[in-house]
Every structure is written in structure tokens, then in C-alpha cells.
Amino acid sequence: MSLTIKNLSFSYPEKQVLRDVSITDLPRGKLTVLLGPNAAGKSTFFRSLAGLIAADFEQLSINNENINELTATERTQRVCYMPQIFSTNAMLTVFEVVLLAQKQLNAWSVGEDDVNAVESLLQQFEIEHLAQRYISELSGGQQQLVSICQAMARSAELFLLDEPTSALDLRHQLQVMQRLKEETEKREVITIIALHDLGLAARFADNLLLMKEGQLLGYGETEAMFSSSLIEDIYGIEIELLRNAKGSLVVTSELK
């Protein structure tokens, strides 16, 4: 299974946001991080793949199957999009919203396996103590963890996660990225995560997509991308790449 995109573009009447974005055979089982400055088009890129906006393209396929020809329900089954901002006014508990995400596209009857699966997810992300709390009562970081659990409750083939660590403290950022990497490998799915944090990208990404002003300027293995001049050019910074005692990639940055 792989994701292929050819000449994906999107424009508002007054502005072009994406320009001929093309990716060939983005592989499953590998964590891909999408990097780019503000207004690079990352969220629009995700919304285009999820079918939430009508983008133009020559090809948009998973495993050579045109996902734009799927029904809305079929596309939602195969593509899971987690937006950057999570909010709901519904009077639902944490357990209920994660259970709803799991059952959304399946039979509505709830069995013991469903309950166990939700409990396991909440435990993995260390929010089982929030299970009976209402979403509206939670902090921004807690709501973000719930949103991640909602995404992981799905059985999609393509996961698009927009800034899933932006509201989290350092420990939870590391924990979430590690879990997402493990789940990507275990499920053999395609996962693309938009980030601003170069350190998290260097440590956890298998591959990088580099975007600026609506154009995809580079794609490749993480260390190779950091070793090139592309990231420095995109952000207007100087970076240094090294490995720590555990062998993880570490990146430092300075203004030019």
C-alpha cells in the first residue's frame, strides 16, 4: 500500500494555496513528517487529501485506487484527518467520544471488545483517569490527547495528523510521537504528521516532506533531508545535525 499524488493544486478566488504537489509511492509502515513555515499550505494539503475541499489533481490514489472516486463514507473509512484545533460543545465524556470514533463507521452495537479497545487506548496515552470527565472540562492538552485517541480508534489506511503535539508538554510530546510511530509500523498504515518542531521530526520521522508557499520542495529520508540545505532555506535558519548517546538524531538551530 502506498500513497501517490500527481499535480495537486488548490486555489481560493484571491490566492493559490497549493501548486502542483506531487509525491510518488509514499510507503506504509513509515512515519512521515510534513515540515514548513506558517502559511506553507500544510493544513490545506491535509484537507485536500481528506476530501474536505475540492482540489485539482491528475492522480490521488492509495495502492493505485483513485480515492476521489470513493463515496464520502468510503473515503472517511480509509482516510483519517485530525485537525489542529479540537473542540466540541457536546456533553460527552472522554470515553464516549473515543467510543463514538471507533463505532462511527461500523455497527452501532457496543460489545465488550469495543469497551476493552477504548480502555486500552486511554491507557496507552495515560488519560484513563479522565474517562468519565466531560470534554468541555478538560485543558487544551488533555483535549488534544483525546483527539489523538479518537484518531487511533479508527481503522483507516491513511492518517493525516495536523500538529498533534502543539498543546502538549515535553513528556507527552515524546510519548505521543513514539506511540504514533509504533502504531504506524504495527498497523502498516501511511501516517503523515504536520509539525513545527524540528527536534521531534529529526527524532521520530522516517521521511520528511518539505513545503513552502504551497509547493513541495523536497521529500526523502529524514537524515538526508536534514543534511541538505533545503530546511535551512525554507526556514531561513542554520541547523546542525548530530546523534546523541542513544543514537537518536538531534538538530540544533540558529538564526542566520
C-alpha atoms as a PDB file:
ATOM      1  CA  MET A   1       0.000   0.000   0.000  1.00  0.00           C
ATOM      2  CA  SER A   2       1.308   3.447  -0.900  1.00  0.00           C
ATOM      3  CA  LEU A   3       0.078   6.992  -1.494  1.00  0.00           C
ATOM      4  CA  THR A   4       0.625   8.658  -4.863  1.00  0.00           C
ATOM      5  CA  ILE A   5      -0.206  12.281  -5.653  1.00  0.00           C
ATOM      6  CA  LYS A   6       0.278  13.979  -9.012  1.00  0.00           C
ATOM      7  CA  ASN A   7      -0.064  17.731  -9.540  1.00  0.00           C
ATOM      8  CA  LEU A   8      -2.333  18.526  -6.610  1.00  0.00           C
ATOM      9  CA  SER A   9      -3.342  22.207  -6.629  1.00  0.00           C
ATOM     10  CA  PHE A  10      -5.865  24.331  -4.780  1.00  0.00           C
ATOM     11  CA  SER A  11      -6.820  27.991  -5.043  1.00  0.00           C
ATOM     12  CA  TYR A  12      -9.175  30.393  -3.387  1.00  0.00           C
ATOM     13  CA  PRO A  13     -10.562  33.108  -5.670  1.00  0.00           C
ATOM     14  CA  GLU A  14      -7.927  35.551  -4.464  1.00  0.00           C
ATOM     15  CA  LYS A  15      -4.999  33.236  -3.743  1.00  0.00           C
ATOM     16  CA  GLN A  16      -3.369  29.991  -4.878  1.00  0.00           C
ATOM     17  CA  VAL A  17      -2.562  27.845  -1.841  1.00  0.00           C
ATOM     18  CA  LEU A  18      -1.160  24.605  -3.326  1.00  0.00           C
ATOM     19  CA  ARG A  19       0.860  24.397  -6.524  1.00  0.00           C
ATOM     20  CA  ASP A  20       1.396  21.084  -8.346  1.00  0.00           C
ATOM     21  CA  VAL A  21       2.224  18.956  -5.297  1.00  0.00           C
ATOM     22  CA  SER A  22       3.408  15.510  -6.400  1.00  0.00           C
ATOM     23  CA  ILE A  23       4.531  12.511  -4.339  1.00  0.00           C
ATOM     24  CA  THR A  24       5.288   9.069  -5.730  1.00  0.00           C
ATOM     25  CA  ASP A  25       4.658   5.960  -3.631  1.00  0.00           C
ATOM     26  CA  LEU A  26       4.737   7.279  -0.063  1.00  0.00           C
ATOM     27  CA  PRO A  27       5.125   3.946   1.778  1.00  0.00           C
ATOM     28  CA  ARG A  28       3.061   2.353   4.517  1.00  0.00           C
ATOM     29  CA  GLY A  29       4.573   1.467   7.872  1.00  0.00           C
ATOM     30  CA  LYS A  30       6.753   4.584   7.848  1.00  0.00           C
ATOM     31  CA  LEU A  31       6.157   7.797   9.800  1.00  0.00           C
ATOM     32  CA  THR A  32       6.318  10.826   7.521  1.00  0.00           C
ATOM     33  CA  VAL A  33       6.551  14.351   8.930  1.00  0.00           C
ATOM     34  CA  LEU A  34       5.401  17.373   6.932  1.00  0.00           C
ATOM     35  CA  LEU A  35       7.520  20.449   7.689  1.00  0.00           C
ATOM     36  CA  GLY A  36       7.045  24.026   6.584  1.00  0.00           C
ATOM     37  CA  PRO A  37       6.641  27.546   7.964  1.00  0.00           C
ATOM     38  CA  ASN A  38       3.294  29.147   8.713  1.00  0.00           C
ATOM     39  CA  ALA A  39       1.072  29.563   5.637  1.00  0.00           C
ATOM     40  CA  ALA A  40       3.036  26.909   3.744  1.00  0.00           C
ATOM     41  CA  GLY A  41      -0.220  25.117   2.868  1.00  0.00           C
ATOM     42  CA  LYS A  42       0.112  22.125   5.199  1.00  0.00           C
ATOM     43  CA  SER A  43      -3.458  22.186   6.544  1.00  0.00           C
ATOM     44  CA  THR A  44      -4.885  22.790   3.059  1.00  0.00           C
ATOM     45  CA  PHE A  45      -2.849  19.825   1.818  1.00  0.00           C
ATOM     46  CA  PHE A  46      -4.399  17.606   4.502  1.00  0.00           C
ATOM     47  CA  ARG A  47      -7.914  18.882   3.839  1.00  0.00           C
ATOM     48  CA  SER A  48      -7.449  18.188   0.128  1.00  0.00           C
ATOM     49  CA  LEU A  49      -6.430  14.581   0.767  1.00  0.00           C
ATOM     50  CA  ALA A  50      -9.336  14.122   3.181  1.00  0.00           C
ATOM     51  CA  GLY A  51     -11.800  15.380   0.560  1.00  0.00           C
ATOM     52  CA  LEU A  52     -12.932  18.351   2.649  1.00  0.00           C
ATOM     53  CA  ILE A  53     -12.129  20.816  -0.135  1.00  0.00           C
ATOM     54  CA  ALA A  54     -12.295  20.358  -3.901  1.00  0.00           C
ATOM     55  CA  ALA A  55      -8.690  20.377  -5.080  1.00  0.00           C
ATOM     56  CA  ASP A  56      -7.438  19.827  -8.622  1.00  0.00           C
ATOM     57  CA  PHE A  57      -5.122  16.920  -9.391  1.00  0.00           C
ATOM     58  CA  GLU A  58      -4.082  14.398 -12.026  1.00  0.00           C
ATOM     59  CA  GLN A  59      -3.868  11.465  -9.614  1.00  0.00           C
ATOM     60  CA  LEU A  60      -4.723  10.913  -5.964  1.00  0.00           C
ATOM     61  CA  SER A  61      -4.565   7.246  -5.082  1.00  0.00           C
ATOM     62  CA  ILE A  62      -3.953   4.732  -2.319  1.00  0.00           C
ATOM     63  CA  ASN A  63      -2.500   1.499  -3.659  1.00  0.00           C
ATOM     64  CA  ASN A  64      -3.330   2.653  -7.210  1.00  0.00           C
ATOM     65  CA  GLU A  65      -7.007   3.178  -6.346  1.00  0.00           C
ATOM     66  CA  ASN A  66      -8.368   6.662  -7.021  1.00  0.00           C
ATOM     67  CA  ILE A  67      -9.683   7.798  -3.644  1.00  0.00           C
ATOM     68  CA  ASN A  68     -11.593  10.681  -5.195  1.00  0.00           C
ATOM     69  CA  GLU A  69     -13.905   8.145  -6.837  1.00  0.00           C
ATOM     70  CA  LEU A  70     -14.894   6.730  -3.447  1.00  0.00           C
ATOM     71  CA  THR A  71     -18.126   7.724  -1.758  1.00  0.00           C
ATOM     72  CA  ALA A  72     -17.858  10.106   1.182  1.00  0.00           C
ATOM     73  CA  THR A  73     -18.363   7.215   3.606  1.00  0.00           C
ATOM     74  CA  GLU A  74     -15.756   5.038   1.880  1.00  0.00           C
ATOM     75  CA  ARG A  75     -13.252   7.886   1.873  1.00  0.00           C
ATOM     76  CA  THR A  76     -13.811   8.552   5.557  1.00  0.00           C
ATOM     77  CA  GLN A  77     -13.220   4.882   6.251  1.00  0.00           C
ATOM     78  CA  ARG A  78      -9.859   4.961   4.511  1.00  0.00           C
ATOM     79  CA  VAL A  79      -8.606   8.460   5.355  1.00  0.00           C
ATOM     80  CA  CYS A  80      -8.494   9.764   8.932  1.00  0.00           C
ATOM     81  CA  TYR A  81      -7.890  13.505   9.291  1.00  0.00           C
ATOM     82  CA  MET A  82      -7.170  15.036  12.701  1.00  0.00           C
ATOM     83  CA  PRO A  83      -7.333  18.859  12.525  1.00  0.00           C
ATOM     84  CA  GLN A  84      -5.066  21.063  14.589  1.00  0.00           C
ATOM     85  CA  ILE A  85      -7.888  22.502  16.698  1.00  0.00           C
ATOM     86  CA  PHE A  86     -10.119  20.099  18.594  1.00  0.00           C
ATOM     87  CA  SER A  87     -13.346  21.455  20.011  1.00  0.00           C
ATOM     88  CA  THR A  88     -16.794  20.160  20.785  1.00  0.00           C
ATOM     89  CA  ASN A  89     -19.795  21.515  22.625  1.00  0.00           C
ATOM     90  CA  ALA A  90     -21.326  18.074  23.050  1.00  0.00           C
ATOM     91  CA  MET A  91     -21.911  16.941  26.625  1.00  0.00           C
ATOM     92  CA  LEU A  92     -19.961  13.738  26.199  1.00  0.00           C
ATOM     93  CA  THR A  93     -17.352  12.064  28.343  1.00  0.00           C
ATOM     94  CA  VAL A  94     -13.863  11.197  27.155  1.00  0.00           C
ATOM     95  CA  PHE A  95     -14.788   7.509  26.987  1.00  0.00           C
ATOM     96  CA  GLU A  96     -17.895   8.287  24.923  1.00  0.00           C
ATOM     97  CA  VAL A  97     -16.157  10.414  22.284  1.00  0.00           C
ATOM     98  CA  VAL A  98     -13.420   7.825  21.735  1.00  0.00           C
ATOM     99  CA  LEU A  99     -16.013   5.049  21.558  1.00  0.00           C
ATOM    100  CA  LEU A 100     -18.011   7.063  19.018  1.00  0.00           C
ATOM    101  CA  ALA A 101     -14.893   7.455  16.874  1.00  0.00           C
ATOM    102  CA  GLN A 102     -14.407   3.703  16.915  1.00  0.00           C
ATOM    103  CA  LYS A 103     -18.039   2.932  16.092  1.00  0.00           C
ATOM    104  CA  GLN A 104     -18.666   5.788  13.673  1.00  0.00           C
ATOM    105  CA  LEU A 105     -18.373   3.716  10.533  1.00  0.00           C
ATOM    106  CA  ASN A 106     -19.277   0.320  11.932  1.00  0.00           C
ATOM    107  CA  ALA A 107     -22.266  -1.304  13.573  1.00  0.00           C
ATOM    108  CA  TRP A 108     -23.582   0.839  16.404  1.00  0.00           C
ATOM    109  CA  SER A 109     -23.969  -2.027  18.841  1.00  0.00           C
ATOM    110  CA  VAL A 110     -21.258  -1.890  21.506  1.00  0.00           C
ATOM    111  CA  GLY A 111     -19.626  -5.085  22.723  1.00  0.00           C
ATOM    112  CA  GLU A 112     -17.004  -5.994  25.269  1.00  0.00           C
ATOM    113  CA  ASP A 113     -14.266  -5.825  22.626  1.00  0.00           C
ATOM    114  CA  ASP A 114     -15.174  -2.205  21.896  1.00  0.00           C
ATOM    115  CA  VAL A 115     -15.048  -1.257  25.558  1.00  0.00           C
ATOM    116  CA  ASN A 116     -11.706  -3.014  26.004  1.00  0.00           C
ATOM    117  CA  ALA A 117     -10.256  -1.323  22.918  1.00  0.00           C
ATOM    118  CA  VAL A 118     -11.194   2.143  24.170  1.00  0.00           C
ATOM    119  CA  GLU A 119      -9.849   1.409  27.634  1.00  0.00           C
ATOM    120  CA  SER A 120      -6.578   0.227  26.091  1.00  0.00           C
ATOM    121  CA  LEU A 121      -6.205   3.418  24.034  1.00  0.00           C
ATOM    122  CA  LEU A 122      -6.835   5.642  27.036  1.00  0.00           C
ATOM    123  CA  GLN A 123      -4.235   3.692  28.988  1.00  0.00           C
ATOM    124  CA  GLN A 124      -1.674   3.951  26.187  1.00  0.00           C
ATOM    125  CA  PHE A 125      -1.917   7.733  26.238  1.00  0.00           C
ATOM    126  CA  GLU A 126      -2.217   7.845  30.051  1.00  0.00           C
ATOM    127  CA  ILE A 127      -5.631   9.502  30.188  1.00  0.00           C
ATOM    128  CA  GLU A 128      -7.659   6.605  31.579  1.00  0.00           C
ATOM    129  CA  HIS A 129      -8.240   8.708  34.717  1.00  0.00           C
ATOM    130  CA  LEU A 130     -10.161  11.168  32.520  1.00  0.00           C
ATOM    131  CA  ALA A 131     -12.536   8.548  31.093  1.00  0.00           C
ATOM    132  CA  GLN A 132     -15.643   9.862  32.855  1.00  0.00           C
ATOM    133  CA  ARG A 133     -14.779  13.554  32.586  1.00  0.00           C
ATOM    134  CA  TYR A 134     -16.673  15.730  30.128  1.00  0.00           C
ATOM    135  CA  ILE A 135     -14.633  17.010  27.187  1.00  0.00           C
ATOM    136  CA  SER A 136     -15.610  20.602  27.996  1.00  0.00           C
ATOM    137  CA  GLU A 137     -13.930  20.272  31.410  1.00  0.00           C
ATOM    138  CA  LEU A 138     -10.501  19.374  30.015  1.00  0.00           C
ATOM    139  CA  SER A 139      -7.447  21.512  29.373  1.00  0.00           C
ATOM    140  CA  GLY A 140      -6.245  22.095  25.823  1.00  0.00           C
ATOM    141  CA  GLY A 141      -3.520  19.487  26.190  1.00  0.00           C
ATOM    142  CA  GLN A 142      -5.931  16.906  27.593  1.00  0.00           C
ATOM    143  CA  GLN A 143      -8.363  17.552  24.737  1.00  0.00           C
ATOM    144  CA  GLN A 144      -5.546  17.055  22.256  1.00  0.00           C
ATOM    145  CA  LEU A 145      -4.728  13.665  23.773  1.00  0.00           C
ATOM    146  CA  VAL A 146      -8.384  12.704  23.463  1.00  0.00           C
ATOM    147  CA  SER A 147      -8.356  13.783  19.818  1.00  0.00           C
ATOM    148  CA  ILE A 148      -5.321  11.567  19.190  1.00  0.00           C
ATOM    149  CA  CYS A 149      -7.124   8.643  20.833  1.00  0.00           C
ATOM    150  CA  GLN A 150     -10.106   9.304  18.549  1.00  0.00           C
ATOM    151  CA  ALA A 151      -7.836   9.080  15.522  1.00  0.00           C
ATOM    152  CA  MET A 152      -6.156   5.910  16.751  1.00  0.00           C
ATOM    153  CA  ALA A 153      -9.570   4.332  17.359  1.00  0.00           C
ATOM    154  CA  ARG A 154     -10.136   4.419  13.601  1.00  0.00           C
ATOM    155  CA  SER A 155      -9.156   1.652  11.182  1.00  0.00           C
ATOM    156  CA  ALA A 156      -8.063   3.910   8.336  1.00  0.00           C
ATOM    157  CA  GLU A 157      -5.277   3.349   5.795  1.00  0.00           C
ATOM    158  CA  LEU A 158      -4.090   6.972   5.651  1.00  0.00           C
ATOM    159  CA  PHE A 159      -3.722   9.085   8.807  1.00  0.00           C
ATOM    160  CA  LEU A 160      -3.284  12.854   8.486  1.00  0.00           C
ATOM    161  CA  LEU A 161      -2.479  14.477  11.840  1.00  0.00           C
ATOM    162  CA  ASP A 162      -2.149  18.268  11.943  1.00  0.00           C
ATOM    163  CA  GLU A 163       0.107  19.448  14.804  1.00  0.00           C
ATOM    164  CA  PRO A 164      -0.937  16.666  17.225  1.00  0.00           C
ATOM    165  CA  THR A 165       1.622  17.739  19.878  1.00  0.00           C
ATOM    166  CA  SER A 166       1.186  21.531  19.812  1.00  0.00           C
ATOM    167  CA  ALA A 167      -0.628  21.762  23.180  1.00  0.00           C
ATOM    168  CA  LEU A 168       1.361  19.064  24.993  1.00  0.00           C
ATOM    169  CA  ASP A 169       4.195  19.263  27.498  1.00  0.00           C
ATOM    170  CA  LEU A 170       7.572  17.782  26.549  1.00  0.00           C
ATOM    171  CA  ARG A 171       6.989  14.367  28.117  1.00  0.00           C
ATOM    172  CA  HIS A 172       3.666  13.916  26.372  1.00  0.00           C
ATOM    173  CA  GLN A 173       5.114  15.132  23.060  1.00  0.00           C
ATOM    174  CA  LEU A 174       7.732  12.377  23.188  1.00  0.00           C
ATOM    175  CA  GLN A 175       5.200   9.809  24.349  1.00  0.00           C
ATOM    176  CA  VAL A 176       2.690  10.657  21.611  1.00  0.00           C
ATOM    177  CA  MET A 177       5.258  10.656  18.821  1.00  0.00           C
ATOM    178  CA  GLN A 178       6.639   7.307  19.987  1.00  0.00           C
ATOM    179  CA  ARG A 179       3.147   5.797  20.103  1.00  0.00           C
ATOM    180  CA  LEU A 180       2.249   7.129  16.671  1.00  0.00           C
ATOM    181  CA  LYS A 181       5.454   5.727  15.198  1.00  0.00           C
ATOM    182  CA  GLU A 182       4.823   2.333  16.810  1.00  0.00           C
ATOM    183  CA  GLU A 183       1.197   2.226  15.655  1.00  0.00           C
ATOM    184  CA  THR A 184       2.205   3.188  12.103  1.00  0.00           C
ATOM    185  CA  GLU A 185       4.646   0.288  11.955  1.00  0.00           C
ATOM    186  CA  LYS A 186       2.310  -2.171  13.691  1.00  0.00           C
ATOM    187  CA  ARG A 187      -0.716  -1.392  11.518  1.00  0.00           C
ATOM    188  CA  GLU A 188       1.362  -0.903   8.346  1.00  0.00           C
ATOM    189  CA  VAL A 189      -0.524   2.285   7.509  1.00  0.00           C
ATOM    190  CA  ILE A 190       0.505   5.586   5.929  1.00  0.00           C
ATOM    191  CA  THR A 191       0.889   8.344   8.520  1.00  0.00           C
ATOM    192  CA  ILE A 192       1.695  11.982   7.759  1.00  0.00           C
ATOM    193  CA  ILE A 193       2.132  14.360  10.697  1.00  0.00           C
ATOM    194  CA  ALA A 194       2.461  18.129  10.267  1.00  0.00           C
ATOM    195  CA  LEU A 195       4.912  19.603  12.790  1.00  0.00           C
ATOM    196  CA  HIS A 196       6.792  22.808  13.527  1.00  0.00           C
ATOM    197  CA  ASP A 197       9.213  21.151  15.936  1.00  0.00           C
ATOM    198  CA  LEU A 198      12.382  20.186  14.055  1.00  0.00           C
ATOM    199  CA  GLY A 199      13.642  18.215  17.052  1.00  0.00           C
ATOM    200  CA  LEU A 200      10.617  15.915  17.105  1.00  0.00           C
ATOM    201  CA  ALA A 201      10.828  15.497  13.347  1.00  0.00           C
ATOM    202  CA  ALA A 202      14.513  14.547  13.493  1.00  0.00           C
ATOM    203  CA  ARG A 203      13.958  12.067  16.292  1.00  0.00           C
ATOM    204  CA  PHE A 204      10.853  10.243  15.085  1.00  0.00           C
ATOM    205  CA  ALA A 205      10.304  10.723  11.336  1.00  0.00           C
ATOM    206  CA  ASP A 206      11.337   8.087   8.827  1.00  0.00           C
ATOM    207  CA  ASN A 207      10.736  10.511   5.969  1.00  0.00           C
ATOM    208  CA  LEU A 208      10.199  14.250   5.572  1.00  0.00           C
ATOM    209  CA  LEU A 209       8.013  16.283   3.237  1.00  0.00           C
ATOM    210  CA  LEU A 210       9.224  19.894   2.968  1.00  0.00           C
ATOM    211  CA  MET A 211       6.689  22.523   1.938  1.00  0.00           C
ATOM    212  CA  LYS A 212       6.852  26.278   1.416  1.00  0.00           C
ATOM    213  CA  GLU A 213       4.365  28.667  -0.170  1.00  0.00           C
ATOM    214  CA  GLY A 214       2.183  25.825  -1.366  1.00  0.00           C
ATOM    215  CA  GLN A 215       4.935  23.921  -3.126  1.00  0.00           C
ATOM    216  CA  LEU A 216       6.570  20.645  -2.145  1.00  0.00           C
ATOM    217  CA  LEU A 217      10.276  21.454  -2.281  1.00  0.00           C
ATOM    218  CA  GLY A 218      11.665  18.150  -1.090  1.00  0.00           C
ATOM    219  CA  TYR A 219      10.860  14.620   0.011  1.00  0.00           C
ATOM    220  CA  GLY A 220      13.149  11.934   1.316  1.00  0.00           C
ATOM    221  CA  GLU A 221      14.706  10.065   4.213  1.00  0.00           C
ATOM    222  CA  THR A 222      14.958  12.185   7.351  1.00  0.00           C
ATOM    223  CA  GLU A 223      18.712  12.355   7.835  1.00  0.00           C
ATOM    224  CA  ALA A 224      19.277  13.083   4.152  1.00  0.00           C
ATOM    225  CA  MET A 225      16.765  15.932   4.222  1.00  0.00           C
ATOM    226  CA  PHE A 226      18.320  17.462   7.326  1.00  0.00           C
ATOM    227  CA  SER A 227      21.781  17.098   5.792  1.00  0.00           C
ATOM    228  CA  SER A 228      20.720  19.039   2.708  1.00  0.00           C
ATOM    229  CA  SER A 229      20.313  22.813   2.568  1.00  0.00           C
ATOM    230  CA  LEU A 230      16.558  22.652   1.978  1.00  0.00           C
ATOM    231  CA  ILE A 231      15.383  23.051   5.580  1.00  0.00           C
ATOM    232  CA  GLU A 232      17.783  25.946   6.159  1.00  0.00           C
ATOM    233  CA  ASP A 233      16.491  27.640   3.008  1.00  0.00           C
ATOM    234  CA  ILE A 234      12.826  27.045   3.865  1.00  0.00           C
ATOM    235  CA  TYR A 235      13.066  28.438   7.395  1.00  0.00           C
ATOM    236  CA  GLY A 236      15.903  30.935   6.902  1.00  0.00           C
ATOM    237  CA  ILE A 237      17.989  29.372   9.675  1.00  0.00           C
ATOM    238  CA  GLU A 238      21.210  27.466  10.194  1.00  0.00           C
ATOM    239  CA  ILE A 239      20.970  23.930  11.576  1.00  0.00           C
ATOM    240  CA  GLU A 240      23.384  21.355  12.912  1.00  0.00           C
ATOM    241  CA  LEU A 241      22.606  17.647  12.944  1.00  0.00           C
ATOM    242  CA  LEU A 242      24.173  15.104  15.286  1.00  0.00           C
ATOM    243  CA  ARG A 243      23.369  11.900  17.138  1.00  0.00           C
ATOM    244  CA  ASN A 244      23.048  11.585  20.909  1.00  0.00           C
ATOM    245  CA  ALA A 245      24.401   8.758  23.049  1.00  0.00           C
ATOM    246  CA  LYS A 246      21.325   6.633  22.282  1.00  0.00           C
ATOM    247  CA  GLY A 247      21.730   7.083  18.549  1.00  0.00           C
ATOM    248  CA  SER A 248      18.761   9.418  18.062  1.00  0.00           C
ATOM    249  CA  LEU A 249      19.086  12.312  15.623  1.00  0.00           C
ATOM    250  CA  VAL A 250      19.306  15.703  17.299  1.00  0.00           C
ATOM    251  CA  VAL A 251      19.017  19.026  15.499  1.00  0.00           C
ATOM    252  CA  THR A 252      20.003  22.474  16.762  1.00  0.00           C
ATOM    253  CA  SER A 253      19.138  25.718  15.012  1.00  0.00           C
ATOM    254  CA  GLU A 254      20.349  29.307  14.907  1.00  0.00           C
ATOM    255  CA  LEU A 255      19.249  32.423  13.076  1.00  0.00           C
ATOM    256  CA  LYS A 256      21.346  33.226  10.049  1.00  0.00           C
END
